[in-house]
């Protein structure tokens, strides 16, 4: 697997987690 793929995957997961966190705090 490419290191770039890992970076993209991690950043996607991170941003998704951040959005979920903000959404739950907003509610």
PDB file of N, CA and C in Angstrom:
ATOM      1  N   UNK A   1       0.850  -1.204   0.000  1.00  0.00           N
ATOM      2  CA  UNK A   1       0.000   0.000   0.000  1.00  0.00           C
ATOM      3  C   UNK A   1       0.885   1.254   0.000  1.00  0.00           C
ATOM      4  N   UNK A   2       0.444   2.255  -0.718  1.00  0.00           N
ATOM      5  CA  UNK A   2       1.211   3.504  -0.802  1.00  0.00           C
ATOM      6  C   UNK A   2       1.120   4.296   0.499  1.00  0.00           C
ATOM      7  N   UNK A   3       2.197   4.974   0.892  1.00  0.00           N
ATOM      8  CA  UNK A   3       2.136   5.858   2.064  1.00  0.00           C
ATOM      9  C   UNK A   3       1.122   6.978   1.840  1.00  0.00           C
ATOM     10  N   UNK A   4       1.005   7.420   0.573  1.00  0.00           N
ATOM     11  CA  UNK A   4       0.064   8.489   0.222  1.00  0.00           C
ATOM     12  C   UNK A   4      -1.367   8.025   0.518  1.00  0.00           C
ATOM     13  N   UNK A   5      -1.660   6.761   0.203  1.00  0.00           N
ATOM     14  CA  UNK A   5      -2.999   6.215   0.460  1.00  0.00           C
ATOM     15  C   UNK A   5      -3.300   6.276   1.945  1.00  0.00           C
ATOM     16  N   UNK A   6      -2.301   5.927   2.765  1.00  0.00           N
ATOM     17  CA  UNK A   6      -2.471   5.972   4.220  1.00  0.00           C
ATOM     18  C   UNK A   6      -2.754   7.396   4.690  1.00  0.00           C
ATOM     19  N   UNK A   7      -2.015   8.356   4.151  1.00  0.00           N
ATOM     20  CA  UNK A   7      -2.182   9.766   4.540  1.00  0.00           C
ATOM     21  C   UNK A   7      -3.595  10.234   4.192  1.00  0.00           C
ATOM     22  N   UNK A   8      -4.062   9.907   2.982  1.00  0.00           N
ATOM     23  CA  UNK A   8      -5.407  10.301   2.547  1.00  0.00           C
ATOM     24  C   UNK A   8      -6.446   9.646   3.454  1.00  0.00           C
ATOM     25  N   UNK A   9      -6.255   8.362   3.739  1.00  0.00           N
ATOM     26  CA  UNK A   9      -7.191   7.619   4.582  1.00  0.00           C
ATOM     27  C   UNK A   9      -7.265   8.234   5.976  1.00  0.00           C
ATOM     28  N   UNK A  10      -6.103   8.500   6.565  1.00  0.00           N
ATOM     29  CA  UNK A  10      -6.037   9.070   7.917  1.00  0.00           C
ATOM     30  C   UNK A  10      -6.685  10.457   7.947  1.00  0.00           C
ATOM     31  N   UNK A  11      -6.368  11.293   6.953  1.00  0.00           N
ATOM     32  CA  UNK A  11      -6.930  12.645   6.938  1.00  0.00           C
ATOM     33  C   UNK A  11      -8.442  12.605   6.768  1.00  0.00           C
ATOM     34  N   UNK A  12      -8.941  11.657   5.954  1.00  0.00           N
ATOM     35  CA  UNK A  12     -10.391  11.515   5.756  1.00  0.00           C
ATOM     36  C   UNK A  12     -11.056  11.110   7.060  1.00  0.00           C
ATOM     37  N   UNK A  13     -10.472  10.124   7.739  1.00  0.00           N
ATOM     38  CA  UNK A  13     -11.013   9.654   9.025  1.00  0.00           C
ATOM     39  C   UNK A  13     -10.977  10.788  10.045  1.00  0.00           C
ATOM     40  N   UNK A  14      -9.869  11.515  10.083  1.00  0.00           N
ATOM     41  CA  UNK A  14      -9.710  12.611  11.037  1.00  0.00           C
ATOM     42  C   UNK A  14     -10.774  13.679  10.818  1.00  0.00           C
ATOM     43  N   UNK A  15     -10.951  14.106   9.558  1.00  0.00           N
ATOM     44  CA  UNK A  15     -11.936  15.146   9.275  1.00  0.00           C
ATOM     45  C   UNK A  15     -13.347  14.645   9.566  1.00  0.00           C
ATOM     46  N   UNK A  16     -13.612  13.369   9.278  1.00  0.00           N
ATOM     47  CA  UNK A  16     -14.915  12.775   9.577  1.00  0.00           C
ATOM     48  C   UNK A  16     -15.182  12.783  11.072  1.00  0.00           C
ATOM     49  N   UNK A  17     -14.164  12.410  11.853  1.00  0.00           N
ATOM     50  CA  UNK A  17     -14.287  12.392  13.320  1.00  0.00           C
ATOM     51  C   UNK A  17     -14.543  13.807  13.836  1.00  0.00           C
ATOM     52  N   UNK A  18     -13.821  14.771  13.289  1.00  0.00           N
ATOM     53  CA  UNK A  18     -13.973  16.157  13.705  1.00  0.00           C
ATOM     54  C   UNK A  18     -15.401  16.633  13.451  1.00  0.00           C
ATOM     55  N   UNK A  19     -15.937  16.316  12.261  1.00  0.00           N
ATOM     56  CA  UNK A  19     -17.297  16.718  11.909  1.00  0.00           C
ATOM     57  C   UNK A  19     -18.300  16.096  12.871  1.00  0.00           C
ATOM     58  N   UNK A  20     -18.115  14.820  13.199  1.00  0.00           N
ATOM     59  CA  UNK A  20     -19.019  14.119  14.128  1.00  0.00           C
ATOM     60  C   UNK A  20     -18.956  14.778  15.503  1.00  0.00           C
ATOM     61  N   UNK A  21     -17.726  15.084  15.955  1.00  0.00           N
ATOM     62  CA  UNK A  21     -17.534  15.710  17.261  1.00  0.00           C
ATOM     63  C   UNK A  21     -18.261  17.054  17.313  1.00  0.00           C
ATOM     64  N   UNK A  22     -18.055  17.880  16.281  1.00  0.00           N
ATOM     65  CA  UNK A  22     -18.674  19.209  16.218  1.00  0.00           C
ATOM     66  C   UNK A  22     -20.201  19.071  16.174  1.00  0.00           C
ATOM     67  N   UNK A  23     -20.688  18.100  15.389  1.00  0.00           N
ATOM     68  CA  UNK A  23     -22.134  17.898  15.254  1.00  0.00           C
ATOM     69  C   UNK A  23     -22.746  17.525  16.603  1.00  0.00           C
ATOM     70  N   UNK A  24     -22.116  16.588  17.312  1.00  0.00           N
ATOM     71  CA  UNK A  24     -22.675  16.160  18.600  1.00  0.00           C
ATOM     72  C   UNK A  24     -22.606  17.288  19.629  1.00  0.00           C
ATOM     73  N   UNK A  25     -21.560  18.094  19.592  1.00  0.00           N
ATOM     74  CA  UNK A  25     -21.447  19.220  20.513  1.00  0.00           C
ATOM     75  C   UNK A  25     -22.477  20.290  20.168  1.00  0.00           C
ATOM     76  N   UNK A  26     -22.737  20.451  18.856  1.00  0.00           N
ATOM     77  CA  UNK A  26     -23.729  21.427  18.409  1.00  0.00           C
ATOM     78  C   UNK A  26     -25.122  21.058  18.912  1.00  0.00           C
ATOM     79  N   UNK A  27     -25.412  19.742  18.932  1.00  0.00           N
ATOM     80  CA  UNK A  27     -26.707  19.284  19.425  1.00  0.00           C
ATOM     81  C   UNK A  27     -26.725  19.362  20.949  1.00  0.00           C
TER      82      UNK A  27
END
